[in-house]
PDB file of N, CA and C in Angstrom:
ATOM      1  N   UNK A   1       0.772  -1.410  -0.159  1.00  0.00           N
ATOM      2  CA  UNK A   1       0.002  -0.118  -0.157  1.00  0.00           C
ATOM      3  C   UNK A   1       0.754   1.527  -0.232  1.00  0.00           C
ATOM      4  N   UNK A   2       1.886   1.346   0.714  1.00  0.00           N
ATOM      5  CA  UNK A   2       2.887   2.549   0.800  1.00  0.00           C
ATOM      6  C   UNK A   2       3.380   2.570  -0.782  1.00  0.00           C
ATOM      7  N   UNK A   3       3.652   1.447  -1.143  1.00  0.00           N
ATOM      8  CA  UNK A   3       4.442   1.728  -2.686  1.00  0.00           C
ATOM      9  C   UNK A   3       3.462   2.481  -3.492  1.00  0.00           C
ATOM     10  N   UNK A   4       2.007   1.834  -3.568  1.00  0.00           N
ATOM     11  CA  UNK A   4       0.815   2.774  -4.344  1.00  0.00           C
ATOM     12  C   UNK A   4       1.001   4.200  -4.003  1.00  0.00           C
ATOM     13  N   UNK A   5       1.170   4.360  -2.702  1.00  0.00           N
ATOM     14  CA  UNK A   5       1.224   5.825  -2.439  1.00  0.00           C
ATOM     15  C   UNK A   5       1.917   6.518  -2.724  1.00  0.00           C
ATOM     16  N   UNK A   6       3.440   6.061  -2.486  1.00  0.00           N
ATOM     17  CA  UNK A   6       4.702   6.893  -3.296  1.00  0.00           C
ATOM     18  C   UNK A   6       4.842   7.001  -4.660  1.00  0.00           C
ATOM     19  N   UNK A   7       4.305   6.089  -5.361  1.00  0.00           N
ATOM     20  CA  UNK A   7       4.725   6.071  -6.625  1.00  0.00           C
ATOM     21  C   UNK A   7       3.598   6.575  -7.617  1.00  0.00           C
ATOM     22  N   UNK A   8       2.414   6.732  -7.106  1.00  0.00           N
ATOM     23  CA  UNK A   8       1.358   7.058  -7.901  1.00  0.00           C
ATOM     24  C   UNK A   8       0.372   8.207  -7.147  1.00  0.00           C
ATOM     25  N   UNK A   9       0.165   8.277  -5.800  1.00  0.00           N
ATOM     26  CA  UNK A   9      -0.900   9.219  -5.291  1.00  0.00           C
ATOM     27  C   UNK A   9      -0.209  10.610  -4.959  1.00  0.00           C
ATOM     28  N   UNK A  10       1.124   9.977  -4.077  1.00  0.00           N
ATOM     29  CA  UNK A  10       1.950  11.521  -3.778  1.00  0.00           C
ATOM     30  C   UNK A  10       2.133  12.493  -4.886  1.00  0.00           C
ATOM     31  N   UNK A  11       2.890  11.640  -6.077  1.00  0.00           N
ATOM     32  CA  UNK A  11       3.445  12.806  -7.094  1.00  0.00           C
ATOM     33  C   UNK A  11       1.986  13.338  -7.914  1.00  0.00           C
ATOM     34  N   UNK A  12       0.896  12.692  -7.705  1.00  0.00           N
ATOM     35  CA  UNK A  12      -0.152  13.386  -8.201  1.00  0.00           C
ATOM     36  C   UNK A  12      -0.669  14.603  -7.666  1.00  0.00           C
ATOM     37  N   UNK A  13      -0.946  14.304  -5.959  1.00  0.00           N
ATOM     38  CA  UNK A  13      -1.324  15.584  -5.648  1.00  0.00           C
ATOM     39  C   UNK A  13      -0.584  16.593  -4.761  1.00  0.00           C
ATOM     40  N   UNK A  14       1.019  16.154  -5.063  1.00  0.00           N
ATOM     41  CA  UNK A  14       2.028  17.248  -4.377  1.00  0.00           C
ATOM     42  C   UNK A  14       1.897  18.433  -4.902  1.00  0.00           C
ATOM     43  N   UNK A  15       1.774  18.780  -6.130  1.00  0.00           N
ATOM     44  CA  UNK A  15       1.910  20.101  -6.525  1.00  0.00           C
ATOM     45  C   UNK A  15       0.093  20.739  -6.208  1.00  0.00           C
ATOM     46  N   UNK A  16      -0.835  20.306  -5.953  1.00  0.00           N
ATOM     47  CA  UNK A  16      -1.503  20.788  -5.509  1.00  0.00           C
ATOM     48  C   UNK A  16      -1.810  21.140  -4.112  1.00  0.00           C
ATOM     49  N   UNK A  17      -1.192  20.232  -3.252  1.00  0.00           N
ATOM     50  CA  UNK A  17      -1.093  20.242  -1.640  1.00  0.00           C
ATOM     51  C   UNK A  17      -0.061  21.652  -1.496  1.00  0.00           C
ATOM     52  N   UNK A  18       1.268  21.882  -2.226  1.00  0.00           N
ATOM     53  CA  UNK A  18       2.223  22.546  -2.155  1.00  0.00           C
ATOM     54  C   UNK A  18       1.327  24.358  -2.629  1.00  0.00           C
ATOM     55  N   UNK A  19       0.578  24.178  -3.565  1.00  0.00           N
ATOM     56  CA  UNK A  19       0.032  25.522  -4.080  1.00  0.00           C
ATOM     57  C   UNK A  19      -1.294  25.648  -3.005  1.00  0.00           C
ATOM     58  N   UNK A  20      -2.061  24.836  -2.187  1.00  0.00           N
ATOM     59  CA  UNK A  20      -3.164  25.174  -1.283  1.00  0.00           C
ATOM     60  C   UNK A  20      -2.083  26.043  -0.243  1.00  0.00           C
ATOM     61  N   UNK A  21      -1.354  24.984   0.107  1.00  0.00           N
ATOM     62  CA  UNK A  21      -0.494  25.631   1.272  1.00  0.00           C
ATOM     63  C   UNK A  21       0.250  26.987   0.911  1.00  0.00           C
ATOM     64  N   UNK A  22       0.579  27.216  -0.012  1.00  0.00           N
ATOM     65  CA  UNK A  22       1.189  28.526  -0.495  1.00  0.00           C
ATOM     66  C   UNK A  22       0.016  29.876  -0.378  1.00  0.00           C
ATOM     67  N   UNK A  23      -1.275  29.320  -0.973  1.00  0.00           N
ATOM     68  CA  UNK A  23      -2.083  30.279  -0.870  1.00  0.00           C
ATOM     69  C   UNK A  23      -2.584  30.475   0.691  1.00  0.00           C
ATOM     70  N   UNK A  24      -2.775  29.466   1.447  1.00  0.00           N
ATOM     71  CA  UNK A  24      -2.954  29.698   2.591  1.00  0.00           C
ATOM     72  C   UNK A  24      -1.850  30.407   3.686  1.00  0.00           C
ATOM     73  N   UNK A  25      -0.562  29.957   3.265  1.00  0.00           N
ATOM     74  CA  UNK A  25       0.174  30.937   3.798  1.00  0.00           C
ATOM     75  C   UNK A  25       0.714  32.329   3.306  1.00  0.00           C
ATOM     76  N   UNK A  26       0.107  32.731   2.421  1.00  0.00           N
ATOM     77  CA  UNK A  26       0.312  34.199   2.144  1.00  0.00           C
ATOM     78  C   UNK A  26      -0.793  34.999   1.910  1.00  0.00           C
ATOM     79  N   UNK A  27      -1.818  34.020   2.393  1.00  0.00           N
ATOM     80  CA  UNK A  27      -2.982  35.206   2.470  1.00  0.00           C
ATOM     81  C   UNK A  27      -3.021  35.915   3.879  1.00  0.00           C
ATOM     82  N   UNK A  28      -3.064  37.085   4.067  1.00  0.00           N
ATOM     83  CA  UNK A  28      -2.966  38.180   5.081  1.00  0.00           C
ATOM     84  C   UNK A  28      -3.985  37.470   6.112  1.00  0.00           C
ATOM     85  N   UNK A  29      -3.553  37.571   7.693  1.00  0.00           N
ATOM     86  CA  UNK A  29      -4.048  37.306   8.812  1.00  0.00           C
ATOM     87  C   UNK A  29      -5.514  38.189   8.782  1.00  0.00           C
ATOM     88  N   UNK A  30      -6.880  37.482   8.794  1.00  0.00           N
ATOM     89  CA  UNK A  30      -8.111  38.374   8.943  1.00  0.00           C
ATOM     90  C   UNK A  30      -8.426  38.382   7.658  1.00  0.00           C
ATOM     91  N   UNK A  31      -7.817  37.443   6.583  1.00  0.00           N
ATOM     92  CA  UNK A  31      -8.964  37.806   5.473  1.00  0.00           C
ATOM     93  C   UNK A  31      -9.963  37.007   5.610  1.00  0.00           C
ATOM     94  N   UNK A  32     -11.016  37.280   4.513  1.00  0.00           N
ATOM     95  CA  UNK A  32     -12.522  36.706   4.716  1.00  0.00           C
ATOM     96  C   UNK A  32     -12.201  34.952   3.823  1.00  0.00           C
ATOM     97  N   UNK A  33     -13.149  34.086   4.490  1.00  0.00           N
ATOM     98  CA  UNK A  33     -12.837  32.718   4.081  1.00  0.00           C
ATOM     99  C   UNK A  33     -13.296  33.002   2.407  1.00  0.00           C
ATOM    100  N   UNK A  34     -14.356  33.799   2.018  1.00  0.00           N
ATOM    101  CA  UNK A  34     -14.621  33.878   0.802  1.00  0.00           C
ATOM    102  C   UNK A  34     -13.521  34.446  -0.281  1.00  0.00           C
ATOM    103  N   UNK A  35     -12.725  35.302   0.303  1.00  0.00           N
ATOM    104  CA  UNK A  35     -11.194  35.839  -0.571  1.00  0.00           C
ATOM    105  C   UNK A  35     -10.694  34.908  -0.990  1.00  0.00           C
ATOM    106  N   UNK A  36     -10.290  33.928   0.185  1.00  0.00           N
ATOM    107  CA  UNK A  36      -9.541  32.513   0.159  1.00  0.00           C
ATOM    108  C   UNK A  36      -9.992  31.535  -0.821  1.00  0.00           C
ATOM    109  N   UNK A  37     -11.173  31.466  -0.626  1.00  0.00           N
ATOM    110  CA  UNK A  37     -12.103  30.269  -1.455  1.00  0.00           C
ATOM    111  C   UNK A  37     -12.265  31.071  -2.969  1.00  0.00           C
ATOM    112  N   UNK A  38     -11.895  32.184  -3.317  1.00  0.00           N
ATOM    113  CA  UNK A  38     -12.052  33.058  -4.900  1.00  0.00           C
ATOM    114  C   UNK A  38     -10.659  32.618  -5.116  1.00  0.00           C
ATOM    115  N   UNK A  39      -9.700  32.846  -4.417  1.00  0.00           N
ATOM    116  CA  UNK A  39      -8.073  32.933  -4.868  1.00  0.00           C
ATOM    117  C   UNK A  39      -8.134  31.316  -5.066  1.00  0.00           C
ATOM    118  N   UNK A  40      -8.472  30.570  -4.254  1.00  0.00           N
ATOM    119  CA  UNK A  40      -8.373  28.834  -4.720  1.00  0.00           C
ATOM    120  C   UNK A  40      -8.759  28.575  -6.022  1.00  0.00           C
ATOM    121  N   UNK A  41     -10.041  29.288  -6.422  1.00  0.00           N
ATOM    122  CA  UNK A  41     -11.024  28.673  -7.593  1.00  0.00           C
ATOM    123  C   UNK A  41     -10.059  29.282  -8.575  1.00  0.00           C
ATOM    124  N   UNK A  42      -9.764  30.461  -8.875  1.00  0.00           N
ATOM    125  CA  UNK A  42      -8.767  30.816  -9.926  1.00  0.00           C
ATOM    126  C   UNK A  42      -7.426  30.378  -9.967  1.00  0.00           C
ATOM    127  N   UNK A  43      -7.116  29.266  -9.173  1.00  0.00           N
ATOM    128  CA  UNK A  43      -5.679  28.682  -9.487  1.00  0.00           C
ATOM    129  C   UNK A  43      -5.497  28.081 -10.687  1.00  0.00           C
ATOM    130  N   UNK A  44      -4.115  27.572 -10.648  1.00  0.00           N
ATOM    131  CA  UNK A  44      -4.069  27.189 -12.378  1.00  0.00           C
ATOM    132  C   UNK A  44      -4.160  25.388 -12.180  1.00  0.00           C
ATOM    133  N   UNK A  45      -5.367  24.886 -11.944  1.00  0.00           N
ATOM    134  CA  UNK A  45      -5.721  23.904 -11.687  1.00  0.00           C
ATOM    135  C   UNK A  45      -5.312  22.767 -12.933  1.00  0.00           C
ATOM    136  N   UNK A  46      -5.289  23.160 -14.119  1.00  0.00           N
ATOM    137  CA  UNK A  46      -5.023  22.712 -15.234  1.00  0.00           C
ATOM    138  C   UNK A  46      -3.656  21.876 -15.114  1.00  0.00           C
ATOM    139  N   UNK A  47      -2.724  23.282 -14.809  1.00  0.00           N
ATOM    140  CA  UNK A  47      -1.311  22.961 -14.378  1.00  0.00           C
ATOM    141  C   UNK A  47      -0.684  22.131 -13.271  1.00  0.00           C
ATOM    142  N   UNK A  48      -1.615  22.241 -12.441  1.00  0.00           N
ATOM    143  CA  UNK A  48      -1.514  21.576 -11.358  1.00  0.00           C
ATOM    144  C   UNK A  48      -1.285  20.189 -11.499  1.00  0.00           C
ATOM    145  N   UNK A  49      -2.369  19.847 -12.551  1.00  0.00           N
ATOM    146  CA  UNK A  49      -2.663  18.075 -12.747  1.00  0.00           C
ATOM    147  C   UNK A  49      -1.516  17.975 -13.867  1.00  0.00           C
ATOM    148  N   UNK A  50      -1.188  18.589 -14.780  1.00  0.00           N
ATOM    149  CA  UNK A  50       0.139  18.280 -15.717  1.00  0.00           C
ATOM    150  C   UNK A  50       1.043  18.214 -15.155  1.00  0.00           C
ATOM    151  N   UNK A  51       1.469  18.719 -13.827  1.00  0.00           N
ATOM    152  CA  UNK A  51       2.790  18.915 -13.297  1.00  0.00           C
ATOM    153  C   UNK A  51       2.548  17.505 -12.464  1.00  0.00           C
ATOM    154  N   UNK A  52       1.294  17.116 -11.890  1.00  0.00           N
ATOM    155  CA  UNK A  52       1.519  15.987 -10.817  1.00  0.00           C
ATOM    156  C   UNK A  52       1.379  14.674 -12.169  1.00  0.00           C
ATOM    157  N   UNK A  53       0.947  14.462 -13.229  1.00  0.00           N
ATOM    158  CA  UNK A  53       1.469  13.505 -13.972  1.00  0.00           C
ATOM    159  C   UNK A  53       2.963  13.658 -14.574  1.00  0.00           C
ATOM    160  N   UNK A  54       3.344  14.597 -14.889  1.00  0.00           N
ATOM    161  CA  UNK A  54       4.890  14.657 -15.063  1.00  0.00           C
ATOM    162  C   UNK A  54       5.871  14.179 -13.965  1.00  0.00           C
ATOM    163  N   UNK A  55       5.525  14.414 -12.699  1.00  0.00           N
ATOM    164  CA  UNK A  55       6.020  13.739 -11.241  1.00  0.00           C
ATOM    165  C   UNK A  55       6.090  12.593 -11.310  1.00  0.00           C
ATOM    166  N   UNK A  56       4.554  12.027 -11.584  1.00  0.00           N
ATOM    167  CA  UNK A  56       4.530  10.846 -11.601  1.00  0.00           C
ATOM    168  C   UNK A  56       5.077   9.804 -12.746  1.00  0.00           C
ATOM    169  N   UNK A  57       5.165  10.423 -13.703  1.00  0.00           N
ATOM    170  CA  UNK A  57       5.991   9.704 -15.069  1.00  0.00           C
ATOM    171  C   UNK A  57       7.265  10.025 -14.870  1.00  0.00           C
ATOM    172  N   UNK A  58       7.861  10.961 -14.238  1.00  0.00           N
ATOM    173  CA  UNK A  58       9.367  10.958 -13.846  1.00  0.00           C
ATOM    174  C   UNK A  58       9.683   9.792 -12.924  1.00  0.00           C
ATOM    175  N   UNK A  59       8.509   9.497 -11.933  1.00  0.00           N
ATOM    176  CA  UNK A  59       9.273   8.577 -10.723  1.00  0.00           C
ATOM    177  C   UNK A  59       9.086   7.454 -11.326  1.00  0.00           C
ATOM    178  N   UNK A  60       8.142   6.979 -12.046  1.00  0.00           N
ATOM    179  CA  UNK A  60       8.048   5.518 -12.589  1.00  0.00           C
ATOM    180  C   UNK A  60       9.026   5.475 -13.637  1.00  0.00           C
ATOM    181  N   UNK A  61       9.354   6.093 -14.502  1.00  0.00           N
ATOM    182  CA  UNK A  61      10.465   6.126 -15.197  1.00  0.00           C
ATOM    183  C   UNK A  61      11.910   5.860 -14.909  1.00  0.00           C
ATOM    184  N   UNK A  62      12.242   6.595 -13.535  1.00  0.00           N
ATOM    185  CA  UNK A  62      13.127   6.248 -12.766  1.00  0.00           C
ATOM    186  C   UNK A  62      13.291   5.195 -12.173  1.00  0.00           C
ATOM    187  N   UNK A  63      12.356   4.656 -11.522  1.00  0.00           N
ATOM    188  CA  UNK A  63      12.079   3.099 -11.115  1.00  0.00           C
ATOM    189  C   UNK A  63      12.401   2.098 -12.279  1.00  0.00           C
ATOM    190  N   UNK A  64      11.651   2.406 -13.322  1.00  0.00           N
ATOM    191  CA  UNK A  64      12.053   1.470 -14.291  1.00  0.00           C
ATOM    192  C   UNK A  64      13.678   1.353 -14.983  1.00  0.00           C
ATOM    193  N   UNK A  65      14.079   2.513 -14.921  1.00  0.00           N
ATOM    194  CA  UNK A  65      15.242   2.379 -15.436  1.00  0.00           C
ATOM    195  C   UNK A  65      16.363   1.992 -14.216  1.00  0.00           C
ATOM    196  N   UNK A  66      16.008   2.095 -13.017  1.00  0.00           N
ATOM    197  CA  UNK A  66      17.087   1.633 -11.963  1.00  0.00           C
ATOM    198  C   UNK A  66      16.551   0.396 -11.256  1.00  0.00           C
ATOM    199  N   UNK A  67      15.320   0.003 -11.291  1.00  0.00           N
ATOM    200  CA  UNK A  67      15.110  -1.100 -10.566  1.00  0.00           C
ATOM    201  C   UNK A  67      14.959  -2.389 -11.776  1.00  0.00           C
ATOM    202  N   UNK A  68      14.750  -3.667 -10.913  1.00  0.00           N
ATOM    203  CA  UNK A  68      14.523  -4.456 -11.694  1.00  0.00           C
ATOM    204  C   UNK A  68      15.784  -5.582 -12.053  1.00  0.00           C
ATOM    205  N   UNK A  69      15.458  -6.301 -12.674  1.00  0.00           N
ATOM    206  CA  UNK A  69      16.669  -7.369 -12.892  1.00  0.00           C
ATOM    207  C   UNK A  69      17.292  -7.327 -14.230  1.00  0.00           C
ATOM    208  N   UNK A  70      18.401  -7.809 -14.847  1.00  0.00           N
ATOM    209  CA  UNK A  70      19.085  -8.140 -15.726  1.00  0.00           C
ATOM    210  C   UNK A  70      18.107  -8.618 -17.063  1.00  0.00           C
ATOM    211  N   UNK A  71      18.264  -8.511 -18.232  1.00  0.00           N
ATOM    212  CA  UNK A  71      17.518  -9.099 -19.281  1.00  0.00           C
ATOM    213  C   UNK A  71      18.284 -10.592 -18.973  1.00  0.00           C
ATOM    214  N   UNK A  72      17.521 -11.833 -19.416  1.00  0.00           N
ATOM    215  CA  UNK A  72      18.195 -13.078 -19.569  1.00  0.00           C
ATOM    216  C   UNK A  72      17.823 -13.833 -18.153  1.00  0.00           C
ATOM    217  N   UNK A  73      17.468 -13.043 -17.054  1.00  0.00           N
ATOM    218  CA  UNK A  73      17.327 -13.735 -15.601  1.00  0.00           C
ATOM    219  C   UNK A  73      16.078 -14.551 -15.754  1.00  0.00           C
ATOM    220  N   UNK A  74      15.855 -15.527 -14.749  1.00  0.00           N
ATOM    221  CA  UNK A  74      14.585 -15.971 -14.668  1.00  0.00           C
ATOM    222  C   UNK A  74      13.994 -15.880 -13.135  1.00  0.00           C
ATOM    223  N   UNK A  75      12.919 -15.997 -13.250  1.00  0.00           N
ATOM    224  CA  UNK A  75      12.101 -15.749 -12.033  1.00  0.00           C
ATOM    225  C   UNK A  75      11.776 -17.009 -11.152  1.00  0.00           C
ATOM    226  N   UNK A  76      12.365 -17.069  -9.899  1.00  0.00           N
ATOM    227  CA  UNK A  76      11.907 -17.995  -8.821  1.00  0.00           C
ATOM    228  C   UNK A  76      10.729 -17.487  -8.271  1.00  0.00           C
ATOM    229  N   UNK A  77       9.726 -18.150  -8.377  1.00  0.00           N
ATOM    230  CA  UNK A  77       8.543 -17.663  -7.401  1.00  0.00           C
ATOM    231  C   UNK A  77       8.736 -18.312  -6.045  1.00  0.00           C
ATOM    232  N   UNK A  78       7.741 -17.771  -5.082  1.00  0.00           N
ATOM    233  CA  UNK A  78       7.975 -17.709  -3.657  1.00  0.00           C
ATOM    234  C   UNK A  78       7.662 -19.327  -3.538  1.00  0.00           C
ATOM    235  N   UNK A  79       8.174 -19.792  -2.555  1.00  0.00           N
ATOM    236  CA  UNK A  79       8.102 -21.270  -2.165  1.00  0.00           C
ATOM    237  C   UNK A  79       8.148 -21.522  -0.783  1.00  0.00           C
ATOM    238  N   UNK A  80       7.515 -22.835  -0.234  1.00  0.00           N
ATOM    239  CA  UNK A  80       7.652 -22.918   1.200  1.00  0.00           C
ATOM    240  C   UNK A  80       9.030 -23.976   1.320  1.00  0.00           C
ATOM    241  N   UNK A  81       9.934 -23.764   1.976  1.00  0.00           N
ATOM    242  CA  UNK A  81      11.325 -24.450   2.297  1.00  0.00           C
ATOM    243  C   UNK A  81      11.296 -24.661   3.696  1.00  0.00           C
ATOM    244  N   UNK A  82      11.565 -25.908   4.283  1.00  0.00           N
ATOM    245  CA  UNK A  82      12.014 -25.787   5.549  1.00  0.00           C
ATOM    246  C   UNK A  82      11.231 -24.951   6.577  1.00  0.00           C
ATOM    247  N   UNK A  83       9.883 -25.103   6.410  1.00  0.00           N
ATOM    248  CA  UNK A  83       8.550 -24.484   7.496  1.00  0.00           C
ATOM    249  C   UNK A  83       8.974 -23.000   7.217  1.00  0.00           C
ATOM    250  N   UNK A  84       9.343 -22.057   6.486  1.00  0.00           N
ATOM    251  CA  UNK A  84       9.205 -21.012   6.230  1.00  0.00           C
ATOM    252  C   UNK A  84       9.099 -20.681   4.639  1.00  0.00           C
ATOM    253  N   UNK A  85       8.268 -19.366   4.292  1.00  0.00           N
ATOM    254  CA  UNK A  85       8.078 -19.025   2.878  1.00  0.00           C
ATOM    255  C   UNK A  85       9.314 -18.151   2.435  1.00  0.00           C
ATOM    256  N   UNK A  86       9.901 -18.590   1.272  1.00  0.00           N
ATOM    257  CA  UNK A  86      10.978 -18.049   0.949  1.00  0.00           C
ATOM    258  C   UNK A  86      10.738 -17.050  -0.270  1.00  0.00           C
ATOM    259  N   UNK A  87      10.941 -15.795  -0.174  1.00  0.00           N
ATOM    260  CA  UNK A  87      10.575 -15.056  -1.293  1.00  0.00           C
ATOM    261  C   UNK A  87      10.708 -15.089  -2.461  1.00  0.00           C
ATOM    262  N   UNK A  88      10.157 -14.633  -3.442  1.00  0.00           N
ATOM    263  CA  UNK A  88      10.673 -14.629  -4.840  1.00  0.00           C
ATOM    264  C   UNK A  88      11.855 -14.075  -5.139  1.00  0.00           C
ATOM    265  N   UNK A  89      12.484 -14.347  -6.166  1.00  0.00           N
ATOM    266  CA  UNK A  89      13.700 -13.708  -6.399  1.00  0.00           C
ATOM    267  C   UNK A  89      14.111 -13.827  -7.921  1.00  0.00           C
ATOM    268  N   UNK A  90      14.790 -12.975  -8.579  1.00  0.00           N
ATOM    269  CA  UNK A  90      15.407 -13.252  -9.879  1.00  0.00           C
ATOM    270  C   UNK A  90      16.595 -13.690  -9.639  1.00  0.00           C
ATOM    271  N   UNK A  91      16.963 -15.048 -10.635  1.00  0.00           N
ATOM    272  CA  UNK A  91      18.267 -15.529 -10.804  1.00  0.00           C
ATOM    273  C   UNK A  91      18.746 -15.781 -12.111  1.00  0.00           C
TER     274      UNK A  91
END
């Protein structure tokens, strides 16, 4: 579950979280809630989504290039040996 969060969800929502935090932190003290909502409503939502997808694609590309086994290796499935489960591995 944490892998899904780190590889897919976090990169998608990170630009939006940073934008909302920036709007909230830069808003003057005592400003009305309506003004804050208006600033959020006119935000660059399309570009935030594009930035999220770009971050996700970059992260998945990085993992695709740096993780995994070399070509020609075979996968040994998980198995039960001597009373314990041995995880799967590439050989």
